[in-house]
Amino acid sequence: MIAIPLYTFLGLYLLLLGIFTLFFIINIAHLVQTSSLTFVSFVVTFIFFASVTLLIYATMNLLEGTQWQYEVIIFNKEWFVGLFIPRQLM
């Protein structure tokens, strides 16, 4: 049986969240560096940041009671037991 602990997916999520944060910081630095500080760029950046904040808050609420020690079964050889044995039709 091949199983992956659930906290592995949390680690992957946090890694992707860190990469996303890095790109967000680079984006803000690029806006400041190129002097693209217009009202439209501010509104779009604010809406983007607000939606990301809302998604992270929703994720925290949904994952609040999760038991991280559970395992997700990827493959189990017992799924295939009896698969190639002919069955009798009644």
N, C-alpha and C. Protein backbone atom coordinates (compact mmCIF):
# COMPACT_ATOMS: atom_id res chain seq x y z
N MET A 1 0.85 -1.17 0.00
CA MET A 1 0.00 0.00 0.00
C MET A 1 0.90 1.24 0.00
N ILE A 2 0.59 2.15 -0.88
CA ILE A 2 1.33 3.41 -0.96
C ILE A 2 0.41 4.51 -0.42
N ALA A 3 0.88 5.18 0.61
CA ALA A 3 0.08 6.23 1.24
C ALA A 3 0.96 7.45 1.51
N ILE A 4 0.35 8.61 1.40
CA ILE A 4 1.06 9.87 1.65
C ILE A 4 0.36 10.57 2.82
N PRO A 5 1.14 11.01 3.83
CA PRO A 5 0.51 11.74 4.94
C PRO A 5 -0.11 13.05 4.45
N LEU A 6 -1.17 13.45 5.10
CA LEU A 6 -1.92 14.64 4.68
C LEU A 6 -1.10 15.91 4.85
N TYR A 7 -0.19 15.92 5.82
CA TYR A 7 0.61 17.13 6.03
C TYR A 7 1.57 17.40 4.88
N THR A 8 1.80 16.42 4.01
CA THR A 8 2.61 16.64 2.82
C THR A 8 1.92 17.65 1.91
N PHE A 9 0.61 17.53 1.77
CA PHE A 9 -0.14 18.47 0.94
C PHE A 9 -0.14 19.87 1.55
N LEU A 10 -0.13 19.95 2.88
CA LEU A 10 -0.03 21.26 3.54
C LEU A 10 1.32 21.90 3.24
N GLY A 11 2.38 21.10 3.26
CA GLY A 11 3.70 21.62 2.93
C GLY A 11 3.77 22.12 1.50
N LEU A 12 3.18 21.38 0.56
CA LEU A 12 3.14 21.82 -0.83
C LEU A 12 2.35 23.11 -0.98
N TYR A 13 1.24 23.20 -0.25
CA TYR A 13 0.42 24.42 -0.29
C TYR A 13 1.22 25.62 0.23
N LEU A 14 1.94 25.43 1.33
CA LEU A 14 2.73 26.52 1.89
C LEU A 14 3.87 26.91 0.96
N LEU A 15 4.47 25.93 0.28
CA LEU A 15 5.51 26.23 -0.69
C LEU A 15 4.96 27.08 -1.84
N LEU A 16 3.81 26.68 -2.37
CA LEU A 16 3.20 27.46 -3.46
C LEU A 16 2.76 28.84 -2.98
N LEU A 17 2.31 28.93 -1.74
CA LEU A 17 1.93 30.23 -1.18
C LEU A 17 3.16 31.13 -1.05
N GLY A 18 4.30 30.56 -0.68
CA GLY A 18 5.54 31.34 -0.60
C GLY A 18 5.99 31.83 -1.97
N ILE A 19 5.89 30.96 -2.99
CA ILE A 19 6.24 31.37 -4.35
C ILE A 19 5.30 32.47 -4.83
N PHE A 20 4.01 32.33 -4.54
CA PHE A 20 3.04 33.34 -4.91
C PHE A 20 3.36 34.68 -4.24
N THR A 21 3.73 34.64 -2.98
CA THR A 21 4.08 35.87 -2.25
C THR A 21 5.31 36.53 -2.87
N LEU A 22 6.28 35.72 -3.26
CA LEU A 22 7.47 36.26 -3.91
C LEU A 22 7.10 36.99 -5.20
N PHE A 23 6.26 36.38 -6.03
CA PHE A 23 5.84 37.03 -7.26
C PHE A 23 5.02 38.29 -6.99
N PHE A 24 4.22 38.28 -5.94
CA PHE A 24 3.45 39.47 -5.59
C PHE A 24 4.37 40.62 -5.20
N ILE A 25 5.40 40.31 -4.42
CA ILE A 25 6.36 41.35 -4.02
C ILE A 25 7.11 41.88 -5.23
N ILE A 26 7.50 40.99 -6.14
CA ILE A 26 8.18 41.42 -7.37
C ILE A 26 7.26 42.32 -8.20
N ASN A 27 5.98 41.98 -8.25
CA ASN A 27 5.01 42.79 -9.00
C ASN A 27 4.89 44.19 -8.40
N ILE A 28 4.77 44.29 -7.10
CA ILE A 28 4.66 45.60 -6.44
C ILE A 28 5.94 46.40 -6.65
N ALA A 29 7.11 45.73 -6.53
CA ALA A 29 8.38 46.43 -6.75
C ALA A 29 8.48 46.93 -8.19
N HIS A 30 7.97 46.15 -9.13
CA HIS A 30 8.00 46.57 -10.53
C HIS A 30 7.10 47.78 -10.75
N LEU A 31 5.94 47.80 -10.10
CA LEU A 31 5.05 48.96 -10.21
C LEU A 31 5.72 50.22 -9.68
N VAL A 32 6.41 50.10 -8.56
CA VAL A 32 7.07 51.26 -7.97
C VAL A 32 8.27 51.68 -8.80
N GLN A 33 9.03 50.71 -9.28
CA GLN A 33 10.25 51.01 -10.03
C GLN A 33 9.95 51.70 -11.36
N THR A 34 8.90 51.30 -12.03
CA THR A 34 8.58 51.89 -13.33
C THR A 34 7.64 53.08 -13.21
N SER A 35 7.35 53.49 -12.00
CA SER A 35 6.46 54.63 -11.73
C SER A 35 5.10 54.46 -12.38
N SER A 36 4.58 53.26 -12.28
CA SER A 36 3.24 52.98 -12.83
C SER A 36 2.19 53.10 -11.73
N LEU A 37 2.34 54.11 -10.92
CA LEU A 37 1.44 54.28 -9.79
C LEU A 37 0.24 55.13 -10.19
N THR A 38 -0.64 54.53 -10.94
CA THR A 38 -1.87 55.22 -11.33
C THR A 38 -3.01 54.70 -10.48
N PHE A 39 -4.15 55.36 -10.60
CA PHE A 39 -5.31 54.93 -9.84
C PHE A 39 -5.77 53.55 -10.28
N VAL A 40 -5.70 53.28 -11.56
CA VAL A 40 -6.13 51.97 -12.08
C VAL A 40 -5.22 50.86 -11.55
N SER A 41 -3.92 51.08 -11.57
CA SER A 41 -3.01 50.05 -11.06
C SER A 41 -3.23 49.82 -9.56
N PHE A 42 -3.53 50.90 -8.83
CA PHE A 42 -3.83 50.75 -7.41
C PHE A 42 -5.09 49.94 -7.19
N VAL A 43 -6.15 50.24 -7.94
CA VAL A 43 -7.43 49.53 -7.76
C VAL A 43 -7.27 48.05 -8.11
N VAL A 44 -6.61 47.75 -9.22
CA VAL A 44 -6.43 46.36 -9.63
C VAL A 44 -5.58 45.61 -8.60
N THR A 45 -4.52 46.22 -8.12
CA THR A 45 -3.67 45.59 -7.12
C THR A 45 -4.44 45.38 -5.82
N PHE A 46 -5.23 46.36 -5.43
CA PHE A 46 -6.01 46.23 -4.20
C PHE A 46 -7.05 45.12 -4.32
N ILE A 47 -7.76 45.04 -5.43
CA ILE A 47 -8.75 43.98 -5.63
C ILE A 47 -8.07 42.61 -5.62
N PHE A 48 -6.93 42.52 -6.27
CA PHE A 48 -6.17 41.26 -6.30
C PHE A 48 -5.73 40.86 -4.89
N PHE A 49 -5.16 41.81 -4.15
CA PHE A 49 -4.70 41.53 -2.79
C PHE A 49 -5.87 41.18 -1.87
N ALA A 50 -7.00 41.87 -2.02
CA ALA A 50 -8.17 41.58 -1.19
C ALA A 50 -8.73 40.19 -1.48
N SER A 51 -8.76 39.80 -2.76
CA SER A 51 -9.28 38.47 -3.09
C SER A 51 -8.33 37.37 -2.59
N VAL A 52 -7.04 37.61 -2.66
CA VAL A 52 -6.09 36.63 -2.14
C VAL A 52 -6.22 36.51 -0.62
N THR A 53 -6.38 37.63 0.05
CA THR A 53 -6.57 37.61 1.49
C THR A 53 -7.84 36.86 1.86
N LEU A 54 -8.90 37.06 1.11
CA LEU A 54 -10.15 36.34 1.36
C LEU A 54 -9.98 34.84 1.14
N LEU A 55 -9.26 34.45 0.10
CA LEU A 55 -9.02 33.03 -0.15
C LEU A 55 -8.18 32.39 0.95
N ILE A 56 -7.18 33.08 1.44
CA ILE A 56 -6.36 32.53 2.52
C ILE A 56 -7.18 32.41 3.80
N TYR A 57 -8.03 33.38 4.08
CA TYR A 57 -8.90 33.31 5.25
C TYR A 57 -9.87 32.14 5.14
N ALA A 58 -10.45 31.95 3.95
CA ALA A 58 -11.37 30.82 3.75
C ALA A 58 -10.64 29.49 3.89
N THR A 59 -9.42 29.42 3.39
CA THR A 59 -8.63 28.20 3.51
C THR A 59 -8.34 27.90 4.98
N MET A 60 -7.99 28.91 5.75
CA MET A 60 -7.72 28.69 7.18
C MET A 60 -8.97 28.18 7.89
N ASN A 61 -10.13 28.73 7.56
CA ASN A 61 -11.36 28.28 8.20
C ASN A 61 -11.73 26.86 7.80
N LEU A 62 -11.51 26.50 6.55
CA LEU A 62 -11.86 25.15 6.09
C LEU A 62 -10.90 24.09 6.64
N LEU A 63 -9.65 24.45 6.86
CA LEU A 63 -8.66 23.49 7.33
C LEU A 63 -8.50 23.48 8.84
N GLU A 64 -9.37 24.17 9.54
CA GLU A 64 -9.23 24.34 10.98
C GLU A 64 -9.24 23.02 11.75
N GLY A 65 -10.15 22.12 11.45
CA GLY A 65 -10.27 20.88 12.22
C GLY A 65 -9.65 19.68 11.56
N THR A 66 -8.72 19.89 10.67
CA THR A 66 -8.13 18.79 9.91
C THR A 66 -7.12 18.01 10.75
N GLN A 67 -7.22 16.69 10.70
CA GLN A 67 -6.24 15.82 11.34
C GLN A 67 -5.11 15.57 10.35
N TRP A 68 -3.97 16.18 10.56
CA TRP A 68 -2.89 16.15 9.58
C TRP A 68 -2.12 14.84 9.57
N GLN A 69 -2.39 13.94 10.52
CA GLN A 69 -1.68 12.67 10.57
C GLN A 69 -2.34 11.60 9.70
N TYR A 70 -3.55 11.87 9.19
CA TYR A 70 -4.20 10.89 8.32
C TYR A 70 -3.38 10.69 7.05
N GLU A 71 -3.58 9.52 6.45
CA GLU A 71 -2.85 9.21 5.22
C GLU A 71 -3.83 9.10 4.06
N VAL A 72 -3.39 9.60 2.91
CA VAL A 72 -4.15 9.48 1.67
C VAL A 72 -3.59 8.27 0.92
N ILE A 73 -4.45 7.29 0.67
CA ILE A 73 -4.01 6.08 0.00
C ILE A 73 -3.95 6.35 -1.50
N ILE A 74 -2.76 6.18 -2.06
CA ILE A 74 -2.55 6.41 -3.48
C ILE A 74 -2.76 5.11 -4.26
N PHE A 75 -2.24 4.02 -3.73
CA PHE A 75 -2.35 2.73 -4.40
C PHE A 75 -2.45 1.64 -3.35
N ASN A 76 -3.38 0.69 -3.59
CA ASN A 76 -3.55 -0.44 -2.71
C ASN A 76 -3.73 -1.67 -3.59
N LYS A 77 -2.88 -2.67 -3.39
CA LYS A 77 -2.93 -3.85 -4.25
C LYS A 77 -4.24 -4.63 -4.08
N GLU A 78 -4.92 -4.45 -2.97
CA GLU A 78 -6.17 -5.17 -2.74
C GLU A 78 -7.30 -4.66 -3.64
N TRP A 79 -7.12 -3.50 -4.25
CA TRP A 79 -8.11 -3.02 -5.19
C TRP A 79 -8.21 -3.92 -6.41
N PHE A 80 -7.12 -4.62 -6.72
CA PHE A 80 -7.06 -5.43 -7.93
C PHE A 80 -7.23 -6.92 -7.67
N VAL A 81 -7.41 -7.31 -6.41
CA VAL A 81 -7.62 -8.71 -6.09
C VAL A 81 -8.98 -9.14 -6.65
N GLY A 82 -8.99 -10.18 -7.41
CA GLY A 82 -10.22 -10.69 -7.99
C GLY A 82 -10.64 -9.97 -9.26
N LEU A 83 -9.83 -9.07 -9.75
CA LEU A 83 -10.19 -8.33 -10.94
C LEU A 83 -10.15 -9.21 -12.18
N PHE A 84 -9.18 -10.14 -12.22
CA PHE A 84 -9.02 -10.99 -13.39
C PHE A 84 -9.60 -12.39 -13.22
N ILE A 85 -10.33 -12.59 -12.15
CA ILE A 85 -11.01 -13.87 -11.93
C ILE A 85 -12.39 -13.77 -12.54
N PRO A 86 -12.74 -14.71 -13.45
CA PRO A 86 -14.07 -14.62 -14.06
C PRO A 86 -15.16 -14.87 -13.03
N ARG A 87 -16.21 -14.10 -13.12
CA ARG A 87 -17.33 -14.23 -12.21
C ARG A 87 -18.45 -14.99 -12.91
N GLN A 88 -19.18 -15.70 -12.11
CA GLN A 88 -20.30 -16.45 -12.67
C GLN A 88 -21.53 -15.56 -12.69
N LEU A 89 -22.17 -15.55 -13.80
CA LEU A 89 -23.42 -14.78 -13.90
C LEU A 89 -24.58 -15.61 -13.45
N MET A 90 -25.48 -15.06 -12.73
CA MET A 90 -26.64 -15.80 -12.25
C MET A 90 -27.80 -15.61 -13.18
